[in-house]
Amino acid sequence: MLKEKRRIEDFKNDVLFKFTLRDDQDPDCLYLLKLIIENIAGIECCSLKVQNPELNPQHVEDKDMILDVRVTNEKDEICDVEMQNSSLDQEQYQRFQIYGARLLVEQQKRGQDYVSNIHHVFQLIFIDDLDKDNLVLIDRYVSKNEEGHIEKYHLITRIYIYLPYINLLKKEKGLDKFNELEIAIYIFKNGIDDDIMKTKKKVVEIMEKKVEKFNEDIILQDMAFNRDLNRRARKAKEKREHEEGLRIGKEEGRKETLKYNVVKLFMKMNPNHETDFLDHLSLEQYEKIFDLLLEEASLEDIYKIAQKKLD
């Protein structure tokens, strides 16, 4: 029996996302890139060149691989477009900043001057999460002073596109009022559903074609499937490690509380004896010693329980 063909239709999968935008010789790719860059970064693009169009299946196991689309315009400004199917946390925020700095530093060659050879970096980060302190669709960051004045000749602009917010906009104004960029963002979040098909927008037609073409390539399909599988496995592992950390932390807290009560009760019942032997015991030992103290057991019995950890 033939194995059913797996279809990849979720643009939050960064393999499909990159495939959709990577070919600067394809008019449809250029249309999407121009739509995204001009309307989000706010810069004009008469011409665009993708600097890293390759999709290498051999690197799919690399969890640190960034499947970004790095684009330059006629002014050599860099626009780095990235999809992140993850939540925002401290690690992510710092990674974005480090990667932006790297894109800047990589431009400088020894002996060259800064003014003519260093070009502005725009980071366009599509992410499947919200900043709960700042509910917007598109959030733009540049360096400023304490009075809010933008630094002169600043070189990095970082822009977050919070995908879940597009569904709030849908409820607020309806899909029929969406412009082409909002339609594209909606598809990045939700895929090509029946509601979006009714809008008859050009961007819908282009992205539908991209999905069909992508799913004709078995190698890219497998790459996207494995990429998603690896991401799910990492999230499951992180969840297990987090839960284990909470369990251990809870157990440690309980042990410290019990130790405090054991020492306090021991000192009350045996005021002339040292308590050093009660340090660094296990939770089980503290529980047994606590019960022995309540039963007014002999010091010999208590010392035996404490001594077991040294055997």
Protein backbone atom coordinates (compact mmCIF):
# COMPACT_ATOMS: atom_id res chain seq x y z
CA MET A 1 0.00 0.00 0.00
CA LEU A 2 1.33 3.45 -0.94
CA LYS A 3 2.22 5.70 1.95
CA GLU A 4 0.00 8.77 2.08
CA LYS A 5 1.83 11.88 0.98
CA ARG A 6 2.46 14.37 3.79
CA ARG A 7 1.42 17.92 2.97
CA ILE A 8 3.12 20.87 4.60
CA GLU A 9 0.81 23.88 4.65
CA ASP A 10 1.85 25.76 7.78
CA PHE A 11 3.96 28.81 6.90
CA LYS A 12 5.19 28.89 10.51
CA ASN A 13 7.36 25.96 9.46
CA ASP A 14 10.53 27.88 8.63
CA VAL A 15 11.41 25.58 5.71
CA LEU A 16 8.17 26.46 3.88
CA PHE A 17 8.58 30.08 4.94
CA LYS A 18 12.04 30.33 3.43
CA PHE A 19 11.01 28.48 0.28
CA THR A 20 8.23 31.03 -0.22
CA LEU A 21 10.61 34.02 -0.15
CA ARG A 22 14.05 32.78 -1.22
CA ASP A 23 14.03 33.02 -5.05
CA ASP A 24 14.74 36.56 -6.26
CA GLN A 25 14.41 35.37 -9.87
CA ASP A 26 10.77 34.47 -9.28
CA PRO A 27 8.30 37.37 -9.71
CA ASP A 28 6.00 35.91 -7.05
CA CYS A 29 8.81 35.79 -4.48
CA LEU A 30 9.83 39.32 -5.36
CA TYR A 31 6.24 40.50 -5.02
CA LEU A 32 6.02 39.05 -1.48
CA LEU A 33 9.45 40.32 -0.46
CA LYS A 34 8.69 43.82 -1.72
CA LEU A 35 5.29 43.77 -0.01
CA ILE A 36 6.82 42.72 3.33
CA ILE A 37 9.97 44.84 3.30
CA GLU A 38 8.53 48.09 2.01
CA ASN A 39 5.48 48.00 4.28
CA ILE A 40 7.17 46.72 7.44
CA ALA A 41 10.71 48.10 7.22
CA GLY A 42 9.44 51.27 5.53
CA ILE A 43 12.16 51.44 2.89
CA GLU A 44 11.85 51.60 -0.88
CA CYS A 45 13.16 48.68 -2.87
CA CYS A 46 13.69 49.17 -6.60
CA SER A 47 15.69 45.94 -6.68
CA LEU A 48 16.15 43.07 -4.25
CA LYS A 49 18.79 40.36 -3.98
CA VAL A 50 18.49 37.30 -1.71
CA GLN A 51 21.94 36.60 -0.27
CA ASN A 52 21.25 33.12 1.16
CA PRO A 53 18.71 31.28 -1.04
CA GLU A 54 20.01 27.77 -0.25
CA LEU A 55 17.95 25.16 1.61
CA ASN A 56 20.25 22.35 2.71
CA PRO A 57 18.50 19.17 3.96
CA GLN A 58 21.75 18.05 5.62
CA HIS A 59 21.45 20.85 8.18
CA VAL A 60 17.89 20.10 9.25
CA GLU A 61 19.04 18.38 12.48
CA ASP A 62 20.90 21.52 13.58
CA LYS A 63 18.64 23.11 16.21
CA ASP A 64 20.62 26.37 15.98
CA MET A 65 20.21 26.70 12.21
CA ILE A 66 18.44 29.93 11.30
CA LEU A 67 16.35 29.64 8.15
CA ASP A 68 16.21 33.37 7.58
CA VAL A 69 15.96 35.16 4.24
CA ARG A 70 18.69 37.78 3.96
CA VAL A 71 17.87 40.42 1.37
CA THR A 72 19.73 43.50 0.15
CA ASN A 73 18.30 46.39 -1.86
CA GLU A 74 19.94 48.78 -4.29
CA LYS A 75 21.37 50.79 -1.35
CA ASP A 76 22.93 47.63 0.13
CA GLU A 77 20.65 47.88 3.15
CA ILE A 78 20.16 44.46 4.72
CA CYS A 79 16.72 43.12 5.51
CA ASP A 80 16.78 39.86 7.42
CA VAL A 81 13.36 38.17 7.39
CA GLU A 82 12.84 35.34 9.87
CA MET A 83 10.00 33.10 11.07
CA GLN A 84 9.97 31.93 14.69
CA ASN A 85 7.38 29.32 15.61
CA SER A 86 8.05 29.71 19.32
CA SER A 87 7.24 31.78 22.36
CA LEU A 88 9.07 34.94 23.40
CA ASP A 89 11.40 34.59 26.36
CA GLN A 90 14.66 36.11 27.53
CA GLU A 91 16.73 33.69 25.44
CA GLN A 92 14.86 34.60 22.26
CA TYR A 93 15.06 38.36 22.83
CA GLN A 94 18.80 38.12 23.42
CA ARG A 95 19.35 35.82 20.44
CA PHE A 96 17.63 38.30 18.12
CA GLN A 97 19.87 41.10 19.38
CA ILE A 98 23.04 39.03 19.03
CA TYR A 99 22.11 37.95 15.51
CA GLY A 100 21.40 41.53 14.48
CA ALA A 101 24.78 42.62 15.82
CA ARG A 102 26.44 39.79 13.92
CA LEU A 103 24.84 40.92 10.65
CA LEU A 104 26.30 44.34 11.30
CA VAL A 105 29.78 43.20 12.28
CA GLU A 106 30.06 40.81 9.33
CA GLN A 107 29.99 43.79 6.96
CA GLN A 108 33.20 45.34 8.32
CA LYS A 109 36.42 44.35 6.59
CA ARG A 110 39.85 45.23 7.95
CA GLY A 111 41.09 48.56 6.59
CA GLN A 112 37.69 49.74 5.31
CA ASP A 113 35.97 52.84 6.62
CA TYR A 114 32.66 52.59 8.43
CA VAL A 115 30.65 55.22 6.56
CA SER A 116 30.85 53.77 3.06
CA ASN A 117 30.95 50.05 3.90
CA ILE A 118 28.54 49.54 6.79
CA HIS A 119 24.87 49.47 5.87
CA HIS A 120 21.71 49.53 7.94
CA VAL A 121 20.35 46.20 9.16
CA PHE A 122 16.60 45.66 9.38
CA GLN A 123 15.46 42.56 11.25
CA LEU A 124 11.90 41.50 10.42
CA ILE A 125 10.93 38.80 12.90
CA PHE A 126 7.61 37.00 12.45
CA ILE A 127 6.87 35.26 15.74
CA ASP A 128 3.94 33.18 16.95
CA ASP A 129 3.55 34.98 20.26
CA LEU A 130 2.45 38.31 21.73
CA ASP A 131 4.20 40.84 23.89
CA LYS A 132 1.49 41.06 26.54
CA ASP A 133 2.81 44.45 27.69
CA ASN A 134 2.52 45.92 24.21
CA LEU A 135 -0.37 44.51 22.18
CA VAL A 136 0.30 45.51 18.58
CA LEU A 137 0.72 43.74 15.26
CA ILE A 138 4.04 45.35 14.30
CA ASP A 139 6.51 46.53 16.93
CA ARG A 140 9.56 48.56 15.86
CA TYR A 141 12.73 49.07 17.94
CA VAL A 142 15.69 51.41 17.40
CA SER A 143 18.29 52.78 19.84
CA LYS A 144 17.15 55.88 21.75
CA ASN A 145 18.37 58.02 24.65
CA GLU A 146 16.52 58.54 27.93
CA GLU A 147 14.55 61.44 26.44
CA GLY A 148 13.32 59.25 23.60
CA HIS A 149 15.49 60.80 20.88
CA ILE A 150 16.58 58.28 18.24
CA GLU A 151 20.35 57.87 18.03
CA LYS A 152 21.85 59.56 14.98
CA TYR A 153 22.99 57.20 12.25
CA HIS A 154 21.75 54.17 14.16
CA LEU A 155 22.45 50.96 12.27
CA ILE A 156 19.98 48.34 13.51
CA THR A 157 16.19 48.40 13.35
CA ARG A 158 14.50 45.38 14.87
CA ILE A 159 10.85 44.79 14.04
CA TYR A 160 8.62 42.13 15.56
CA ILE A 161 5.48 40.98 13.76
CA TYR A 162 3.30 39.28 16.37
CA LEU A 163 1.28 36.71 14.41
CA PRO A 164 -1.52 36.04 16.96
CA TYR A 165 -2.52 39.72 16.83
CA ILE A 166 -3.77 39.32 13.25
CA ASN A 167 -6.68 37.24 14.55
CA LEU A 168 -7.63 40.10 16.88
CA LEU A 169 -7.64 42.41 13.87
CA LYS A 170 -9.87 39.97 12.01
CA LYS A 171 -12.48 40.26 14.75
CA GLU A 172 -12.06 44.02 14.87
CA LYS A 173 -12.41 44.92 11.20
CA GLY A 174 -12.98 41.72 9.20
CA LEU A 175 -10.91 40.06 6.48
CA ASP A 176 -12.63 42.03 3.72
CA LYS A 177 -10.97 45.20 5.10
CA PHE A 178 -7.48 43.67 5.22
CA ASN A 179 -4.78 45.07 2.96
CA GLU A 180 -2.32 42.80 1.13
CA LEU A 181 0.25 42.83 3.96
CA GLU A 182 -2.36 41.91 6.57
CA ILE A 183 -3.58 39.10 4.30
CA ALA A 184 -0.01 37.75 4.06
CA ILE A 185 0.42 37.93 7.85
CA TYR A 186 -2.94 36.18 8.31
CA ILE A 187 -1.78 33.33 6.06
CA PHE A 188 1.54 33.08 7.90
CA LYS A 189 -0.46 32.57 11.09
CA ASN A 190 -3.47 30.53 9.95
CA GLY A 191 -2.58 29.06 6.58
CA ILE A 192 -4.82 29.33 3.53
CA ASP A 193 -8.27 28.70 4.97
CA ASP A 194 -11.72 29.06 3.41
CA ASP A 195 -12.20 32.56 4.82
CA ILE A 196 -9.02 33.93 3.29
CA MET A 197 -9.73 32.29 -0.08
CA LYS A 198 -12.87 34.42 -0.37
CA THR A 199 -10.87 37.64 -0.40
CA LYS A 200 -9.55 36.97 -3.94
CA LYS A 201 -6.35 38.89 -3.19
CA LYS A 202 -3.22 38.46 -5.30
CA VAL A 203 -1.15 37.50 -2.27
CA VAL A 204 -3.52 34.58 -1.59
CA GLU A 205 -3.07 33.25 -5.11
CA ILE A 206 0.73 33.53 -4.85
CA MET A 207 0.98 31.81 -1.48
CA GLU A 208 -1.38 29.05 -2.58
CA LYS A 209 0.89 28.38 -5.57
CA LYS A 210 3.90 28.31 -3.28
CA VAL A 211 2.32 25.65 -1.07
CA GLU A 212 1.46 23.49 -4.08
CA LYS A 213 4.94 23.80 -5.57
CA PHE A 214 6.59 23.10 -2.23
CA ASN A 215 4.59 19.90 -1.76
CA GLU A 216 5.69 18.62 -5.15
CA ASP A 217 9.25 18.38 -3.80
CA ILE A 218 9.61 15.27 -1.62
CA ILE A 219 13.02 16.34 -0.29
CA LEU A 220 11.70 19.71 0.90
CA GLN A 221 8.61 18.01 2.33
CA ASP A 222 10.76 15.64 4.37
CA MET A 223 13.00 18.50 5.45
CA ALA A 224 10.02 20.51 6.69
CA PHE A 225 8.44 17.49 8.36
CA ASN A 226 11.67 16.57 10.18
CA ARG A 227 12.25 20.20 11.13
CA ASP A 228 8.80 20.34 12.71
CA LEU A 229 9.30 16.95 14.37
CA ASN A 230 12.60 18.12 15.88
CA ARG A 231 10.99 21.34 17.11
CA ARG A 232 8.19 19.39 18.81
CA ALA A 233 10.71 17.02 20.38
CA ARG A 234 12.74 19.95 21.74
CA LYS A 235 9.64 21.60 23.18
CA ALA A 236 8.60 18.32 24.82
CA LYS A 237 12.09 17.91 26.29
CA GLU A 238 12.12 21.50 27.55
CA LYS A 239 8.71 20.94 29.14
CA ARG A 240 9.91 17.76 30.85
CA GLU A 241 13.05 19.51 32.10
CA HIS A 242 10.98 22.45 33.35
CA GLU A 243 8.56 20.15 35.18
CA GLU A 244 11.46 18.18 36.66
CA GLY A 245 13.07 21.43 37.78
CA LEU A 246 9.84 22.49 39.47
CA ARG A 247 9.54 19.09 41.15
CA ILE A 248 13.12 19.23 42.42
CA GLY A 249 12.67 22.82 43.56
CA LYS A 250 9.48 21.92 45.39
CA GLU A 251 11.19 18.94 47.03
CA GLU A 252 14.19 21.07 48.06
CA GLY A 253 11.86 23.66 49.56
CA ARG A 254 10.02 21.00 51.50
CA LYS A 255 13.33 19.52 52.72
CA GLU A 256 14.61 22.90 53.94
CA THR A 257 11.37 23.52 55.81
CA LEU A 258 11.46 20.07 57.39
CA LYS A 259 15.15 20.46 58.31
CA TYR A 260 14.36 23.75 60.08
CA ASN A 261 11.58 22.09 62.09
CA VAL A 262 13.76 19.05 62.95
CA VAL A 263 16.64 21.20 64.20
CA LYS A 264 14.30 23.44 66.18
CA LEU A 265 12.55 20.47 67.81
CA PHE A 266 15.85 18.68 68.51
CA MET A 267 17.33 21.78 70.22
CA LYS A 268 14.22 22.15 72.33
CA MET A 269 14.36 18.52 73.45
CA ASN A 270 18.16 18.24 73.66
CA PRO A 271 19.48 21.72 74.49
CA ASN A 272 22.98 20.55 75.42
CA HIS A 273 23.73 18.66 72.19
CA GLU A 274 25.24 19.87 68.90
CA THR A 275 23.07 19.85 65.78
CA ASP A 276 25.79 19.70 63.08
CA PHE A 277 24.96 16.06 62.42
CA LEU A 278 21.56 17.21 61.11
CA ASP A 279 23.09 19.05 58.15
CA HIS A 280 22.91 17.71 54.59
CA LEU A 281 20.51 14.82 55.22
CA SER A 282 17.97 13.51 52.75
CA LEU A 283 14.29 14.35 52.83
CA GLU A 284 13.55 10.78 53.94
CA GLN A 285 16.03 11.07 56.84
CA TYR A 286 14.49 14.34 58.04
CA GLU A 287 11.03 12.76 57.92
CA LYS A 288 12.16 9.75 59.97
CA ILE A 289 14.03 11.88 62.53
CA PHE A 290 11.04 14.19 62.88
CA ASP A 291 8.82 11.21 63.65
CA LEU A 292 11.39 9.86 66.15
CA LEU A 293 11.50 13.23 67.93
CA LEU A 294 7.71 13.24 68.23
CA GLU A 295 7.90 9.74 69.66
CA GLU A 296 10.62 10.91 72.09
CA ALA A 297 13.00 8.24 70.79
CA SER A 298 16.53 7.89 72.17
CA LEU A 299 19.45 9.93 70.85
CA GLU A 300 21.03 6.67 69.75
CA ASP A 301 18.10 5.92 67.41
CA ILE A 302 18.24 9.45 65.99
CA TYR A 303 22.00 9.25 65.42
CA LYS A 304 21.54 5.92 63.62
CA ILE A 305 19.13 7.44 61.08
CA ALA A 306 21.47 10.40 60.49
CA GLN A 307 24.51 8.11 60.20
CA LYS A 308 22.98 6.04 57.40
CA LYS A 309 23.93 8.63 54.81
CA LEU A 310 27.60 8.03 55.63
CA ASP A 311 27.48 4.26 55.18
